[in-house]
Structures are given as structure tokens and as C-alpha cells.
Amino acid sequence: MALFIISNNSYERVKPFAEGLGLEFVHSAAKPLTFGLARACRRFSLSQKEILLVGDQLFTDILAAKLFGCRCALVTPFQIEHQKFLRFKRVLERPILRGIHRRKERETRG
């Protein structure tokens, strides 16, 4: 298994973070568009079916994975965002996440 970062951030922003973790990376991914995911597949010689995208944002990470046709896992954000736009996106995500949780509860009960 190989781990790598696919980020919407610039090369300059992602490089120190990725190097600190000893990971390869793809920058300027433009998620939820699939350009960055396609670039990662070519760079690492992977097919869509070989990727599991782990992300903490529904409208970028998870939507990109769904549009690209790869598996995905939604995780809890690492830290609370302070940028207004990201906080706004979290507010929009809440009703969707509640619906997902309710559906999973029904599936486990029934």
C-alpha cells in the first residue's frame, strides 16, 4: 500500500507538509474536479479502482472521489477551520451528514 497526498493547495504550501511526513504529493488538484486524481493515477501508475481517497470535506474530497469513480472514506476534520468559507461549507455539510448517519443507523437496526 502506498500513501500520498492529493491537495488543492499550491506546491509551496503542500511540499513542506508532505516532506515532513515522508509522502509524495499532487498539488493544485482542483477537487471536486477530477484533474488532480487523474494526475495522481498517471504519476503513480494506478487505476481508479486501486485508490481510496480519505478526506474530511464532503464538497471537495468525497465529491471528487465519487465523480472520479474511486472509493472514499469521510473522516472527522483534523482541526477546526478558521476561514469563513470553510466554516460555511461545514454548515452546509451538517444536514447531509445527519442524513448519512440516520441511514446507517437504520441499516444496522434493520
C-alpha atoms as a PDB file:
ATOM      1  CA  MET A   1       0.000   0.000   0.000  1.00  0.00           C
ATOM      2  CA  ALA A   2       1.251   3.473  -0.838  1.00  0.00           C
ATOM      3  CA  LEU A   3       0.144   6.719   0.742  1.00  0.00           C
ATOM      4  CA  PHE A   4       0.274  10.094  -0.947  1.00  0.00           C
ATOM      5  CA  ILE A   5      -1.373  13.475  -0.609  1.00  0.00           C
ATOM      6  CA  ILE A   6      -3.728  14.999  -3.169  1.00  0.00           C
ATOM      7  CA  SER A   7      -4.242  18.626  -2.219  1.00  0.00           C
ATOM      8  CA  ASN A   8      -5.931  21.672  -3.662  1.00  0.00           C
ATOM      9  CA  ASN A   9      -3.164  23.794  -2.163  1.00  0.00           C
ATOM     10  CA  SER A  10      -0.141  25.115  -4.040  1.00  0.00           C
ATOM     11  CA  TYR A  11       3.188  23.334  -4.396  1.00  0.00           C
ATOM     12  CA  GLU A  12       4.786  25.708  -1.898  1.00  0.00           C
ATOM     13  CA  ARG A  13       2.144  25.014   0.725  1.00  0.00           C
ATOM     14  CA  VAL A  14       1.970  21.217   0.320  1.00  0.00           C
ATOM     15  CA  LYS A  15       5.668  20.417  -0.111  1.00  0.00           C
ATOM     16  CA  PRO A  16       6.856  21.079   3.488  1.00  0.00           C
ATOM     17  CA  PHE A  17       3.878  19.232   4.955  1.00  0.00           C
ATOM     18  CA  ALA A  18       4.358  16.212   2.667  1.00  0.00           C
ATOM     19  CA  GLU A  19       8.120  16.137   3.208  1.00  0.00           C
ATOM     20  CA  GLY A  20       7.597  16.207   6.960  1.00  0.00           C
ATOM     21  CA  LEU A  21       5.503  13.056   6.619  1.00  0.00           C
ATOM     22  CA  GLY A  22       7.801  11.482   4.031  1.00  0.00           C
ATOM     23  CA  LEU A  23       4.991  11.312   1.464  1.00  0.00           C
ATOM     24  CA  GLU A  24       4.718  12.024  -2.238  1.00  0.00           C
ATOM     25  CA  PHE A  25       2.071  14.536  -3.253  1.00  0.00           C
ATOM     26  CA  VAL A  26      -0.020  16.035  -6.021  1.00  0.00           C
ATOM     27  CA  HIS A  27      -0.727  19.744  -5.620  1.00  0.00           C
ATOM     28  CA  SER A  28      -3.293  22.086  -7.211  1.00  0.00           C
ATOM     29  CA  ALA A  29      -5.718  19.162  -7.568  1.00  0.00           C
ATOM     30  CA  ALA A  30      -8.820  21.356  -8.120  1.00  0.00           C
ATOM     31  CA  LYS A  31     -11.103  18.986  -6.187  1.00  0.00           C
ATOM     32  CA  PRO A  32     -14.022  18.349  -6.611  1.00  0.00           C
ATOM     33  CA  LEU A  33     -12.927  18.292 -10.251  1.00  0.00           C
ATOM     34  CA  THR A  34     -11.091  15.101 -11.102  1.00  0.00           C
ATOM     35  CA  PHE A  35      -7.957  16.526 -12.773  1.00  0.00           C
ATOM     36  CA  GLY A  36      -5.762  16.015  -9.708  1.00  0.00           C
ATOM     37  CA  LEU A  37      -6.976  12.481  -9.171  1.00  0.00           C
ATOM     38  CA  ALA A  38      -6.281  11.622 -12.809  1.00  0.00           C
ATOM     39  CA  ARG A  39      -2.816  13.177 -12.467  1.00  0.00           C
ATOM     40  CA  ALA A  40      -2.157  11.046  -9.363  1.00  0.00           C
ATOM     41  CA  CYS A  41      -3.260   7.889 -11.198  1.00  0.00           C
ATOM     42  CA  ARG A  42      -0.856   8.590 -14.046  1.00  0.00           C
ATOM     43  CA  ARG A  43       2.010   9.568 -11.771  1.00  0.00           C
ATOM     44  CA  PHE A  44       1.713   6.528  -9.516  1.00  0.00           C
ATOM     45  CA  SER A  45       0.518   4.083 -12.224  1.00  0.00           C
ATOM     46  CA  LEU A  46      -2.790   3.336 -10.502  1.00  0.00           C
ATOM     47  CA  SER A  47      -6.314   2.723 -11.716  1.00  0.00           C
ATOM     48  CA  GLN A  48      -9.387   4.348 -10.180  1.00  0.00           C
ATOM     49  CA  LYS A  49     -10.270   1.055  -8.513  1.00  0.00           C
ATOM     50  CA  GLU A  50      -6.913   1.000  -6.690  1.00  0.00           C
ATOM     51  CA  ILE A  51      -7.456   4.319  -4.910  1.00  0.00           C
ATOM     52  CA  LEU A  52      -9.105   5.031  -1.585  1.00  0.00           C
ATOM     53  CA  LEU A  53      -9.448   8.760  -1.096  1.00  0.00           C
ATOM     54  CA  VAL A  54      -9.570   9.718   2.578  1.00  0.00           C
ATOM     55  CA  GLY A  55     -10.905  13.206   3.145  1.00  0.00           C
ATOM     56  CA  ASP A  56     -12.673  15.438   5.619  1.00  0.00           C
ATOM     57  CA  GLN A  57     -14.800  17.539   3.253  1.00  0.00           C
ATOM     58  CA  LEU A  58     -17.943  16.359   1.502  1.00  0.00           C
ATOM     59  CA  PHE A  59     -17.974  19.027  -1.203  1.00  0.00           C
ATOM     60  CA  THR A  60     -14.346  18.624  -2.251  1.00  0.00           C
ATOM     61  CA  ASP A  61     -12.791  15.295  -1.259  1.00  0.00           C
ATOM     62  CA  ILE A  62     -15.787  12.975  -1.235  1.00  0.00           C
ATOM     63  CA  LEU A  63     -17.469  14.554  -4.246  1.00  0.00           C
ATOM     64  CA  ALA A  64     -14.188  14.309  -6.211  1.00  0.00           C
ATOM     65  CA  ALA A  65     -13.890  10.605  -5.362  1.00  0.00           C
ATOM     66  CA  LYS A  66     -17.485   9.920  -6.390  1.00  0.00           C
ATOM     67  CA  LEU A  67     -17.073  11.824  -9.674  1.00  0.00           C
ATOM     68  CA  PHE A  68     -13.794  10.033 -10.401  1.00  0.00           C
ATOM     69  CA  GLY A  69     -15.153   6.588  -9.588  1.00  0.00           C
ATOM     70  CA  CYS A  70     -12.852   5.652  -6.739  1.00  0.00           C
ATOM     71  CA  ARG A  71     -13.623   4.576  -3.192  1.00  0.00           C
ATOM     72  CA  CYS A  72     -13.676   7.141  -0.427  1.00  0.00           C
ATOM     73  CA  ALA A  73     -13.747   7.477   3.338  1.00  0.00           C
ATOM     74  CA  LEU A  74     -15.019  10.543   5.163  1.00  0.00           C
ATOM     75  CA  VAL A  75     -13.105  11.338   8.342  1.00  0.00           C
ATOM     76  CA  THR A  76     -13.583  13.930  11.073  1.00  0.00           C
ATOM     77  CA  PRO A  77     -11.644  17.149  10.390  1.00  0.00           C
ATOM     78  CA  PHE A  78      -8.203  17.260  11.977  1.00  0.00           C
ATOM     79  CA  GLN A  79      -8.759  20.750  13.333  1.00  0.00           C
ATOM     80  CA  ILE A  80     -11.441  23.420  13.352  1.00  0.00           C
ATOM     81  CA  GLU A  81     -11.178  25.737  10.354  1.00  0.00           C
ATOM     82  CA  HIS A  82     -10.921  29.449  10.941  1.00  0.00           C
ATOM     83  CA  GLN A  83     -11.555  30.630   7.382  1.00  0.00           C
ATOM     84  CA  LYS A  84     -15.118  31.867   6.884  1.00  0.00           C
ATOM     85  CA  PHE A  85     -15.609  29.942   3.635  1.00  0.00           C
ATOM     86  CA  LEU A  86     -14.611  26.615   5.194  1.00  0.00           C
ATOM     87  CA  ARG A  87     -16.817  27.231   8.226  1.00  0.00           C
ATOM     88  CA  PHE A  88     -19.693  27.996   5.845  1.00  0.00           C
ATOM     89  CA  LYS A  89     -19.108  24.720   3.972  1.00  0.00           C
ATOM     90  CA  ARG A  90     -19.207  22.827   7.275  1.00  0.00           C
ATOM     91  CA  VAL A  91     -22.638  24.334   7.991  1.00  0.00           C
ATOM     92  CA  LEU A  92     -23.861  23.104   4.586  1.00  0.00           C
ATOM     93  CA  GLU A  93     -22.423  19.638   5.262  1.00  0.00           C
ATOM     94  CA  ARG A  94     -24.260  19.131   8.571  1.00  0.00           C
ATOM     95  CA  PRO A  95     -27.711  18.161   7.232  1.00  0.00           C
ATOM     96  CA  ILE A  96     -26.148  15.787   4.714  1.00  0.00           C
ATOM     97  CA  LEU A  97     -24.040  14.138   7.403  1.00  0.00           C
ATOM     98  CA  ARG A  98     -27.074  13.805   9.684  1.00  0.00           C
ATOM     99  CA  GLY A  99     -28.913  12.038   6.857  1.00  0.00           C
ATOM    100  CA  ILE A 100     -25.987   9.680   6.288  1.00  0.00           C
ATOM    101  CA  HIS A 101     -25.799   8.838   9.993  1.00  0.00           C
ATOM    102  CA  ARG A 102     -29.554   8.229  10.207  1.00  0.00           C
ATOM    103  CA  ARG A 103     -29.451   5.935   7.177  1.00  0.00           C
ATOM    104  CA  LYS A 104     -26.560   3.933   8.644  1.00  0.00           C
ATOM    105  CA  GLU A 105     -28.401   3.591  11.962  1.00  0.00           C
ATOM    106  CA  ARG A 106     -31.487   2.243  10.153  1.00  0.00           C
ATOM    107  CA  GLU A 107     -29.338  -0.206   8.183  1.00  0.00           C
ATOM    108  CA  THR A 108     -27.673  -1.576  11.315  1.00  0.00           C
ATOM    109  CA  ARG A 109     -31.004  -1.975  13.119  1.00  0.00           C
ATOM    110  CA  GLY A 110     -32.899  -3.488  10.322  1.00  0.00           C
END
